[in-house]
């Protein structure tokens, strides 16, 4: 019986680390603008998740202060 090799999981933040190391010199103006749009959308998505977690934490904190 053949077993498949386990593919190691990428750690948290690995994608961001890879983005930081990427050579931007090879991109054109349009590609850089598209990249900025995608990163801006990702920032908005991340901010929304952070806001949701903070509001949940705040609700839990107020519940346990009673």
PDB file of N, CA and C in Angstrom:
ATOM      1  N   UNK A   1       0.844  -1.174   0.000  1.00  0.00           N
ATOM      2  CA  UNK A   1       0.000   0.000   0.000  1.00  0.00           C
ATOM      3  C   UNK A   1       0.896   1.248   0.000  1.00  0.00           C
ATOM      4  N   UNK A   2       0.555   2.216  -0.852  1.00  0.00           N
ATOM      5  CA  UNK A   2       1.343   3.437  -0.952  1.00  0.00           C
ATOM      6  C   UNK A   2       0.735   4.519  -0.076  1.00  0.00           C
ATOM      7  N   UNK A   3       1.600   5.202   0.631  1.00  0.00           N
ATOM      8  CA  UNK A   3       1.139   6.321   1.443  1.00  0.00           C
ATOM      9  C   UNK A   3       1.589   7.616   0.791  1.00  0.00           C
ATOM     10  N   UNK A   4       0.692   8.579   0.772  1.00  0.00           N
ATOM     11  CA  UNK A   4       1.038   9.881   0.223  1.00  0.00           C
ATOM     12  C   UNK A   4       1.860  10.650   1.243  1.00  0.00           C
ATOM     13  N   UNK A   5       2.827  11.390   0.730  1.00  0.00           N
ATOM     14  CA  UNK A   5       3.635  12.210   1.631  1.00  0.00           C
ATOM     15  C   UNK A   5       2.800  13.370   2.147  1.00  0.00           C
ATOM     16  N   UNK A   6       2.933  13.646   3.405  1.00  0.00           N
ATOM     17  CA  UNK A   6       2.210  14.764   4.001  1.00  0.00           C
ATOM     18  C   UNK A   6       2.876  16.076   3.587  1.00  0.00           C
ATOM     19  N   UNK A   7       2.059  16.985   3.123  1.00  0.00           N
ATOM     20  CA  UNK A   7       2.558  18.299   2.735  1.00  0.00           C
ATOM     21  C   UNK A   7       2.523  19.181   3.975  1.00  0.00           C
ATOM     22  N   UNK A   8       3.651  19.753   4.353  1.00  0.00           N
ATOM     23  CA  UNK A   8       3.649  20.591   5.562  1.00  0.00           C
ATOM     24  C   UNK A   8       2.782  21.832   5.368  1.00  0.00           C
ATOM     25  N   UNK A   9       2.060  22.178   6.424  1.00  0.00           N
ATOM     26  CA  UNK A   9       1.214  23.369   6.380  1.00  0.00           C
ATOM     27  C   UNK A   9       2.072  24.621   6.482  1.00  0.00           C
ATOM     28  N   UNK A  10       1.647  25.635   5.784  1.00  0.00           N
ATOM     29  CA  UNK A  10       2.332  26.921   5.919  1.00  0.00           C
ATOM     30  C   UNK A  10       1.943  27.540   7.246  1.00  0.00           C
ATOM     31  N   UNK A  11       2.887  28.181   7.875  1.00  0.00           N
ATOM     32  CA  UNK A  11       2.623  28.833   9.149  1.00  0.00           C
ATOM     33  C   UNK A  11       1.796  30.090   8.970  1.00  0.00           C
ATOM     34  N   UNK A  12       1.251  30.561  10.072  1.00  0.00           N
ATOM     35  CA  UNK A  12       0.485  31.807  10.029  1.00  0.00           C
ATOM     36  C   UNK A  12       1.409  32.939   9.607  1.00  0.00           C
ATOM     37  N   UNK A  13       0.913  33.766   8.727  1.00  0.00           N
ATOM     38  CA  UNK A  13       1.692  34.903   8.276  1.00  0.00           C
ATOM     39  C   UNK A  13       2.688  34.572   7.184  1.00  0.00           C
ATOM     40  N   UNK A  14       2.735  33.323   6.731  1.00  0.00           N
ATOM     41  CA  UNK A  14       3.700  32.936   5.709  1.00  0.00           C
ATOM     42  C   UNK A  14       3.442  33.665   4.395  1.00  0.00           C
ATOM     43  N   UNK A  15       2.171  33.819   4.045  1.00  0.00           N
ATOM     44  CA  UNK A  15       1.840  34.504   2.791  1.00  0.00           C
ATOM     45  C   UNK A  15       2.305  35.959   2.831  1.00  0.00           C
ATOM     46  N   UNK A  16       2.111  36.606   3.963  1.00  0.00           N
ATOM     47  CA  UNK A  16       2.545  37.993   4.108  1.00  0.00           C
ATOM     48  C   UNK A  16       4.062  38.093   4.009  1.00  0.00           C
ATOM     49  N   UNK A  17       4.749  37.160   4.633  1.00  0.00           N
ATOM     50  CA  UNK A  17       6.217  37.147   4.575  1.00  0.00           C
ATOM     51  C   UNK A  17       6.704  36.987   3.145  1.00  0.00           C
ATOM     52  N   UNK A  18       6.022  36.136   2.377  1.00  0.00           N
ATOM     53  CA  UNK A  18       6.392  35.935   0.980  1.00  0.00           C
ATOM     54  C   UNK A  18       6.156  37.207   0.165  1.00  0.00           C
ATOM     55  N   UNK A  19       5.047  37.900   0.444  1.00  0.00           N
ATOM     56  CA  UNK A  19       4.752  39.150  -0.261  1.00  0.00           C
ATOM     57  C   UNK A  19       5.820  40.207   0.002  1.00  0.00           C
ATOM     58  N   UNK A  20       6.277  40.270   1.234  1.00  0.00           N
ATOM     59  CA  UNK A  20       7.276  41.272   1.611  1.00  0.00           C
ATOM     60  C   UNK A  20       8.600  41.051   0.894  1.00  0.00           C
ATOM     61  N   UNK A  21       8.888  39.816   0.551  1.00  0.00           N
ATOM     62  CA  UNK A  21      10.167  39.490  -0.088  1.00  0.00           C
ATOM     63  C   UNK A  21      10.112  39.563  -1.610  1.00  0.00           C
ATOM     64  N   UNK A  22       8.921  39.696  -2.160  1.00  0.00           N
ATOM     65  CA  UNK A  22       8.754  39.682  -3.609  1.00  0.00           C
ATOM     66  C   UNK A  22       9.393  40.908  -4.253  1.00  0.00           C
ATOM     67  N   UNK A  23      10.056  40.695  -5.365  1.00  0.00           N
ATOM     68  CA  UNK A  23      10.712  41.775  -6.116  1.00  0.00           C
ATOM     69  C   UNK A  23       9.662  42.534  -6.918  1.00  0.00           C
ATOM     70  N   UNK A  24       9.410  43.767  -6.536  1.00  0.00           N
ATOM     71  CA  UNK A  24       8.393  44.573  -7.214  1.00  0.00           C
ATOM     72  C   UNK A  24       8.921  45.232  -8.486  1.00  0.00           C
ATOM     73  N   UNK A  25      10.203  45.176  -8.682  1.00  0.00           N
ATOM     74  CA  UNK A  25      10.825  45.812  -9.848  1.00  0.00           C
ATOM     75  C   UNK A  25      10.315  45.215 -11.161  1.00  0.00           C
ATOM     76  N   UNK A  26       9.903  43.971 -11.153  1.00  0.00           N
ATOM     77  CA  UNK A  26       9.498  43.291 -12.380  1.00  0.00           C
ATOM     78  C   UNK A  26       8.072  43.633 -12.803  1.00  0.00           C
ATOM     79  N   UNK A  27       7.320  44.310 -11.939  1.00  0.00           N
ATOM     80  CA  UNK A  27       5.937  44.658 -12.247  1.00  0.00           C
ATOM     81  C   UNK A  27       5.850  45.974 -12.998  1.00  0.00           C
ATOM     82  N   UNK A  28       4.849  46.076 -13.862  1.00  0.00           N
ATOM     83  CA  UNK A  28       4.552  47.319 -14.551  1.00  0.00           C
ATOM     84  C   UNK A  28       3.603  48.161 -13.714  1.00  0.00           C
ATOM     85  N   UNK A  29       3.297  49.351 -14.220  1.00  0.00           N
ATOM     86  CA  UNK A  29       2.438  50.293 -13.497  1.00  0.00           C
ATOM     87  C   UNK A  29       1.056  49.691 -13.256  1.00  0.00           C
ATOM     88  N   UNK A  30       0.448  49.132 -14.281  1.00  0.00           N
ATOM     89  CA  UNK A  30      -0.898  48.565 -14.148  1.00  0.00           C
ATOM     90  C   UNK A  30      -0.885  47.409 -13.153  1.00  0.00           C
ATOM     91  N   UNK A  31       0.114  46.580 -13.215  1.00  0.00           N
ATOM     92  CA  UNK A  31       0.216  45.447 -12.293  1.00  0.00           C
ATOM     93  C   UNK A  31       0.389  45.920 -10.850  1.00  0.00           C
ATOM     94  N   UNK A  32       1.156  46.969 -10.655  1.00  0.00           N
ATOM     95  CA  UNK A  32       1.334  47.511  -9.307  1.00  0.00           C
ATOM     96  C   UNK A  32       0.035  48.123  -8.787  1.00  0.00           C
ATOM     97  N   UNK A  33      -0.704  48.801  -9.670  1.00  0.00           N
ATOM     98  CA  UNK A  33      -1.997  49.365  -9.271  1.00  0.00           C
ATOM     99  C   UNK A  33      -2.976  48.255  -8.890  1.00  0.00           C
ATOM    100  N   UNK A  34      -2.985  47.167  -9.653  1.00  0.00           N
ATOM    101  CA  UNK A  34      -3.853  46.030  -9.345  1.00  0.00           C
ATOM    102  C   UNK A  34      -3.449  45.386  -8.019  1.00  0.00           C
ATOM    103  N   UNK A  35      -2.157  45.331  -7.782  1.00  0.00           N
ATOM    104  CA  UNK A  35      -1.652  44.762  -6.526  1.00  0.00           C
ATOM    105  C   UNK A  35      -2.099  45.609  -5.343  1.00  0.00           C
ATOM    106  N   UNK A  36      -2.017  46.922  -5.496  1.00  0.00           N
ATOM    107  CA  UNK A  36      -2.448  47.828  -4.434  1.00  0.00           C
ATOM    108  C   UNK A  36      -3.940  47.655  -4.168  1.00  0.00           C
ATOM    109  N   UNK A  37      -4.743  47.519  -5.222  1.00  0.00           N
ATOM    110  CA  UNK A  37      -6.185  47.306  -5.056  1.00  0.00           C
ATOM    111  C   UNK A  37      -6.451  46.014  -4.287  1.00  0.00           C
ATOM    112  N   UNK A  38      -5.749  44.960  -4.638  1.00  0.00           N
ATOM    113  CA  UNK A  38      -5.937  43.668  -3.961  1.00  0.00           C
ATOM    114  C   UNK A  38      -5.506  43.754  -2.503  1.00  0.00           C
ATOM    115  N   UNK A  39      -4.385  44.413  -2.249  1.00  0.00           N
ATOM    116  CA  UNK A  39      -3.911  44.546  -0.866  1.00  0.00           C
ATOM    117  C   UNK A  39      -4.833  45.432  -0.041  1.00  0.00           C
ATOM    118  N   UNK A  40      -5.383  46.476  -0.652  1.00  0.00           N
ATOM    119  CA  UNK A  40      -6.324  47.355   0.034  1.00  0.00           C
ATOM    120  C   UNK A  40      -7.588  46.575   0.410  1.00  0.00           C
ATOM    121  N   UNK A  41      -8.054  45.725  -0.495  1.00  0.00           N
ATOM    122  CA  UNK A  41      -9.219  44.890  -0.203  1.00  0.00           C
ATOM    123  C   UNK A  41      -8.904  43.920   0.937  1.00  0.00           C
ATOM    124  N   UNK A  42      -7.705  43.389   0.960  1.00  0.00           N
ATOM    125  CA  UNK A  42      -7.310  42.465   2.027  1.00  0.00           C
ATOM    126  C   UNK A  42      -7.209  43.205   3.360  1.00  0.00           C
ATOM    127  N   UNK A  43      -6.724  44.431   3.341  1.00  0.00           N
ATOM    128  CA  UNK A  43      -6.675  45.238   4.566  1.00  0.00           C
ATOM    129  C   UNK A  43      -8.091  45.470   5.084  1.00  0.00           C
ATOM    130  N   UNK A  44      -9.029  45.795   4.201  1.00  0.00           N
ATOM    131  CA  UNK A  44     -10.418  46.015   4.612  1.00  0.00           C
ATOM    132  C   UNK A  44     -11.021  44.742   5.199  1.00  0.00           C
ATOM    133  N   UNK A  45     -10.730  43.598   4.589  1.00  0.00           N
ATOM    134  CA  UNK A  45     -11.236  42.321   5.096  1.00  0.00           C
ATOM    135  C   UNK A  45     -10.662  42.016   6.478  1.00  0.00           C
ATOM    136  N   UNK A  46      -9.376  42.289   6.641  1.00  0.00           N
ATOM    137  CA  UNK A  46      -8.712  42.054   7.917  1.00  0.00           C
ATOM    138  C   UNK A  46      -9.248  43.000   8.988  1.00  0.00           C
ATOM    139  N   UNK A  47      -9.461  44.255   8.626  1.00  0.00           N
ATOM    140  CA  UNK A  47      -9.999  45.241   9.567  1.00  0.00           C
ATOM    141  C   UNK A  47     -11.405  44.850  10.012  1.00  0.00           C
ATOM    142  N   UNK A  48     -12.213  44.362   9.085  1.00  0.00           N
ATOM    143  CA  UNK A  48     -13.570  43.935   9.427  1.00  0.00           C
ATOM    144  C   UNK A  48     -13.534  42.772  10.420  1.00  0.00           C
ATOM    145  N   UNK A  49     -12.627  41.828  10.216  1.00  0.00           N
ATOM    146  CA  UNK A  49     -12.504  40.689  11.134  1.00  0.00           C
ATOM    147  C   UNK A  49     -12.038  41.161  12.507  1.00  0.00           C
ATOM    148  N   UNK A  50     -11.090  42.094  12.532  1.00  0.00           N
ATOM    149  CA  UNK A  50     -10.588  42.641  13.792  1.00  0.00           C
ATOM    150  C   UNK A  50     -11.701  43.356  14.547  1.00  0.00           C
ATOM    151  N   UNK A  51     -12.484  44.161  13.837  1.00  0.00           N
ATOM    152  CA  UNK A  51     -13.599  44.868  14.465  1.00  0.00           C
ATOM    153  C   UNK A  51     -14.607  43.888  15.056  1.00  0.00           C
ATOM    154  N   UNK A  52     -14.889  42.810  14.325  1.00  0.00           N
ATOM    155  CA  UNK A  52     -15.837  41.805  14.796  1.00  0.00           C
ATOM    156  C   UNK A  52     -15.310  41.117  16.058  1.00  0.00           C
ATOM    157  N   UNK A  53     -14.019  40.795  16.069  1.00  0.00           N
ATOM    158  CA  UNK A  53     -13.428  40.156  17.243  1.00  0.00           C
ATOM    159  C   UNK A  53     -13.427  41.101  18.438  1.00  0.00           C
ATOM    160  N   UNK A  54     -13.123  42.369  18.197  1.00  0.00           N
ATOM    161  CA  UNK A  54     -13.127  43.344  19.288  1.00  0.00           C
ATOM    162  C   UNK A  54     -14.519  43.524  19.870  1.00  0.00           C
ATOM    163  N   UNK A  55     -15.540  43.571  19.026  1.00  0.00           N
ATOM    164  CA  UNK A  55     -16.898  43.752  19.537  1.00  0.00           C
ATOM    165  C   UNK A  55     -17.342  42.521  20.320  1.00  0.00           C
ATOM    166  N   UNK A  56     -16.953  41.341  19.871  1.00  0.00           N
ATOM    167  CA  UNK A  56     -17.267  40.122  20.614  1.00  0.00           C
ATOM    168  C   UNK A  56     -16.562  40.095  21.948  1.00  0.00           C
ATOM    169  N   UNK A  57     -15.337  40.530  21.955  1.00  0.00           N
ATOM    170  CA  UNK A  57     -14.561  40.583  23.203  1.00  0.00           C
ATOM    171  C   UNK A  57     -15.160  41.599  24.164  1.00  0.00           C
ATOM    172  N   UNK A  58     -15.577  42.739  23.624  1.00  0.00           N
ATOM    173  CA  UNK A  58     -16.174  43.778  24.449  1.00  0.00           C
ATOM    174  C   UNK A  58     -17.490  43.289  25.072  1.00  0.00           C
ATOM    175  N   UNK A  59     -18.272  42.565  24.293  1.00  0.00           N
ATOM    176  CA  UNK A  59     -19.541  42.026  24.800  1.00  0.00           C
ATOM    177  C   UNK A  59     -19.262  41.010  25.909  1.00  0.00           C
ATOM    178  N   UNK A  60     -18.274  40.171  25.721  1.00  0.00           N
ATOM    179  CA  UNK A  60     -17.931  39.176  26.737  1.00  0.00           C
ATOM    180  C   UNK A  60     -17.402  39.861  28.008  1.00  0.00           C
ATOM    181  N   UNK A  61     -16.572  40.863  27.828  1.00  0.00           N
ATOM    182  CA  UNK A  61     -16.043  41.598  28.987  1.00  0.00           C
ATOM    183  C   UNK A  61     -17.166  42.244  29.792  1.00  0.00           C
ATOM    184  N   UNK A  62     -18.122  42.864  29.125  1.00  0.00           N
ATOM    185  CA  UNK A  62     -19.217  43.525  29.838  1.00  0.00           C
ATOM    186  C   UNK A  62     -20.125  42.511  30.518  1.00  0.00           C
ATOM    187  N   UNK A  63     -20.257  41.333  29.948  1.00  0.00           N
ATOM    188  CA  UNK A  63     -21.090  40.293  30.551  1.00  0.00           C
ATOM    189  C   UNK A  63     -20.475  39.809  31.854  1.00  0.00           C
ATOM    190  N   UNK A  64     -19.168  39.645  31.873  1.00  0.00           N
ATOM    191  CA  UNK A  64     -18.504  39.106  33.054  1.00  0.00           C
ATOM    192  C   UNK A  64     -18.193  40.166  34.117  1.00  0.00           C
ATOM    193  N   UNK A  65     -18.401  41.445  33.810  1.00  0.00           N
ATOM    194  CA  UNK A  65     -18.173  42.499  34.801  1.00  0.00           C
ATOM    195  C   UNK A  65     -19.361  42.651  35.737  1.00  0.00           C
ATOM    196  N   UNK A  66     -20.468  42.033  35.379  1.00  0.00           N
ATOM    197  CA  UNK A  66     -21.667  42.145  36.223  1.00  0.00           C
ATOM    198  C   UNK A  66     -21.474  41.442  37.483  1.00  0.00           C
TER     199      UNK A  66
END
